[in-house]
Amino acid sequence: MYKYKIIIYWSSEDEAFIAEVPELLGCMAHGSTPEDALKNAKEAIQLWIDTAKEFGDVIPEPKGNKLILA
């Protein structure tokens, strides 16, 4: 399972929840509920990675969130 950040928000224009994967250029999905958008985004991530592998493109590593203690 990949651990990319997924941002989900409501789009009035599309009348759907949108799920964006900022670390994978152009990777996004939508759904009628946040859960549907998340499920579809996970499928989109896999398709994005499969396509990148097919064409020999670089696949970014998930950045994750870092905790900085001072």
C-alpha atoms as a PDB file:
ATOM      1  CA  MET A   1       0.000   0.000   0.000  1.00  0.00           C
ATOM      2  CA  TYR A   2       1.253   3.444  -0.909  1.00  0.00           C
ATOM      3  CA  LYS A   3       1.242   6.242   1.652  1.00  0.00           C
ATOM      4  CA  TYR A   4       0.750   9.380  -0.389  1.00  0.00           C
ATOM      5  CA  LYS A   5      -1.093  12.380   1.011  1.00  0.00           C
ATOM      6  CA  ILE A   6      -4.669  12.581  -0.278  1.00  0.00           C
ATOM      7  CA  ILE A   7      -6.636  15.816   0.040  1.00  0.00           C
ATOM      8  CA  ILE A   8     -10.423  15.486  -0.138  1.00  0.00           C
ATOM      9  CA  TYR A   9     -12.768  18.440  -0.600  1.00  0.00           C
ATOM     10  CA  TRP A  10     -16.232  19.243  -1.933  1.00  0.00           C
ATOM     11  CA  SER A  11     -16.443  20.823  -5.386  1.00  0.00           C
ATOM     12  CA  SER A  12     -19.665  22.749  -6.019  1.00  0.00           C
ATOM     13  CA  GLU A  13     -18.702  23.020  -9.677  1.00  0.00           C
ATOM     14  CA  ASP A  14     -18.428  19.237 -10.074  1.00  0.00           C
ATOM     15  CA  GLU A  15     -21.066  18.466  -7.431  1.00  0.00           C
ATOM     16  CA  ALA A  16     -18.776  15.777  -6.058  1.00  0.00           C
ATOM     17  CA  PHE A  17     -16.030  15.182  -3.537  1.00  0.00           C
ATOM     18  CA  ILE A  18     -12.608  15.538  -5.142  1.00  0.00           C
ATOM     19  CA  ALA A  19      -9.548  13.613  -3.942  1.00  0.00           C
ATOM     20  CA  GLU A  20      -6.189  15.022  -5.038  1.00  0.00           C
ATOM     21  CA  VAL A  21      -2.798  13.352  -4.639  1.00  0.00           C
ATOM     22  CA  PRO A  22      -0.436  16.351  -4.733  1.00  0.00           C
ATOM     23  CA  GLU A  23       2.775  14.298  -4.891  1.00  0.00           C
ATOM     24  CA  LEU A  24       1.672  12.576  -8.121  1.00  0.00           C
ATOM     25  CA  LEU A  25       1.165  15.201 -10.811  1.00  0.00           C
ATOM     26  CA  GLY A  26      -2.378  15.094 -12.182  1.00  0.00           C
ATOM     27  CA  CYS A  27      -3.482  12.215  -9.953  1.00  0.00           C
ATOM     28  CA  MET A  28      -7.003  12.822  -8.704  1.00  0.00           C
ATOM     29  CA  ALA A  29     -10.396  11.167  -8.438  1.00  0.00           C
ATOM     30  CA  HIS A  30     -13.917  11.988  -7.361  1.00  0.00           C
ATOM     31  CA  GLY A  31     -16.894  10.395  -5.644  1.00  0.00           C
ATOM     32  CA  SER A  32     -20.345  11.118  -4.301  1.00  0.00           C
ATOM     33  CA  THR A  33     -19.060  10.699  -0.727  1.00  0.00           C
ATOM     34  CA  PRO A  34     -15.641  11.331   0.843  1.00  0.00           C
ATOM     35  CA  GLU A  35     -15.284   7.559   1.230  1.00  0.00           C
ATOM     36  CA  ASP A  36     -15.971   6.982  -2.473  1.00  0.00           C
ATOM     37  CA  ALA A  37     -13.482   9.696  -3.418  1.00  0.00           C
ATOM     38  CA  LEU A  38     -10.833   8.081  -1.188  1.00  0.00           C
ATOM     39  CA  LYS A  39     -11.473   4.615  -2.637  1.00  0.00           C
ATOM     40  CA  ASN A  40     -11.246   5.990  -6.172  1.00  0.00           C
ATOM     41  CA  ALA A  41      -8.082   7.938  -5.320  1.00  0.00           C
ATOM     42  CA  LYS A  42      -6.384   4.750  -4.116  1.00  0.00           C
ATOM     43  CA  GLU A  43      -7.210   3.134  -7.466  1.00  0.00           C
ATOM     44  CA  ALA A  44      -5.962   6.241  -9.303  1.00  0.00           C
ATOM     45  CA  ILE A  45      -2.664   6.076  -7.387  1.00  0.00           C
ATOM     46  CA  GLN A  46      -2.126   2.482  -8.491  1.00  0.00           C
ATOM     47  CA  LEU A  47      -2.964   3.333 -12.109  1.00  0.00           C
ATOM     48  CA  TRP A  48      -0.652   6.376 -11.983  1.00  0.00           C
ATOM     49  CA  ILE A  49       2.220   4.239 -10.682  1.00  0.00           C
ATOM     50  CA  ASP A  50       1.570   1.415 -13.168  1.00  0.00           C
ATOM     51  CA  THR A  51       1.611   3.922 -16.040  1.00  0.00           C
ATOM     52  CA  ALA A  52       4.800   5.571 -14.766  1.00  0.00           C
ATOM     53  CA  LYS A  53       6.507   2.172 -14.573  1.00  0.00           C
ATOM     54  CA  GLU A  54       5.338   1.305 -18.094  1.00  0.00           C
ATOM     55  CA  PHE A  55       6.907   4.462 -19.506  1.00  0.00           C
ATOM     56  CA  GLY A  56       9.995   4.426 -17.280  1.00  0.00           C
ATOM     57  CA  ASP A  57       8.995   7.635 -15.493  1.00  0.00           C
ATOM     58  CA  VAL A  58      10.235   8.550 -12.030  1.00  0.00           C
ATOM     59  CA  ILE A  59       7.863   7.613  -9.223  1.00  0.00           C
ATOM     60  CA  PRO A  60       8.144  10.030  -6.299  1.00  0.00           C
ATOM     61  CA  GLU A  61       8.562   8.559  -2.842  1.00  0.00           C
ATOM     62  CA  PRO A  62       5.779   9.509  -0.436  1.00  0.00           C
ATOM     63  CA  LYS A  63       6.985  12.485   1.612  1.00  0.00           C
ATOM     64  CA  GLY A  64       4.792  11.882   4.618  1.00  0.00           C
ATOM     65  CA  ASN A  65       4.606  14.341   7.466  1.00  0.00           C
ATOM     66  CA  LYS A  66       7.646  14.989   9.551  1.00  0.00           C
ATOM     67  CA  LEU A  67       7.548  15.831  13.234  1.00  0.00           C
ATOM     68  CA  ILE A  68      10.191  18.352  14.226  1.00  0.00           C
ATOM     69  CA  LEU A  69      11.056  18.613  17.891  1.00  0.00           C
ATOM     70  CA  ALA A  70      13.036  21.611  19.104  1.00  0.00           C
END
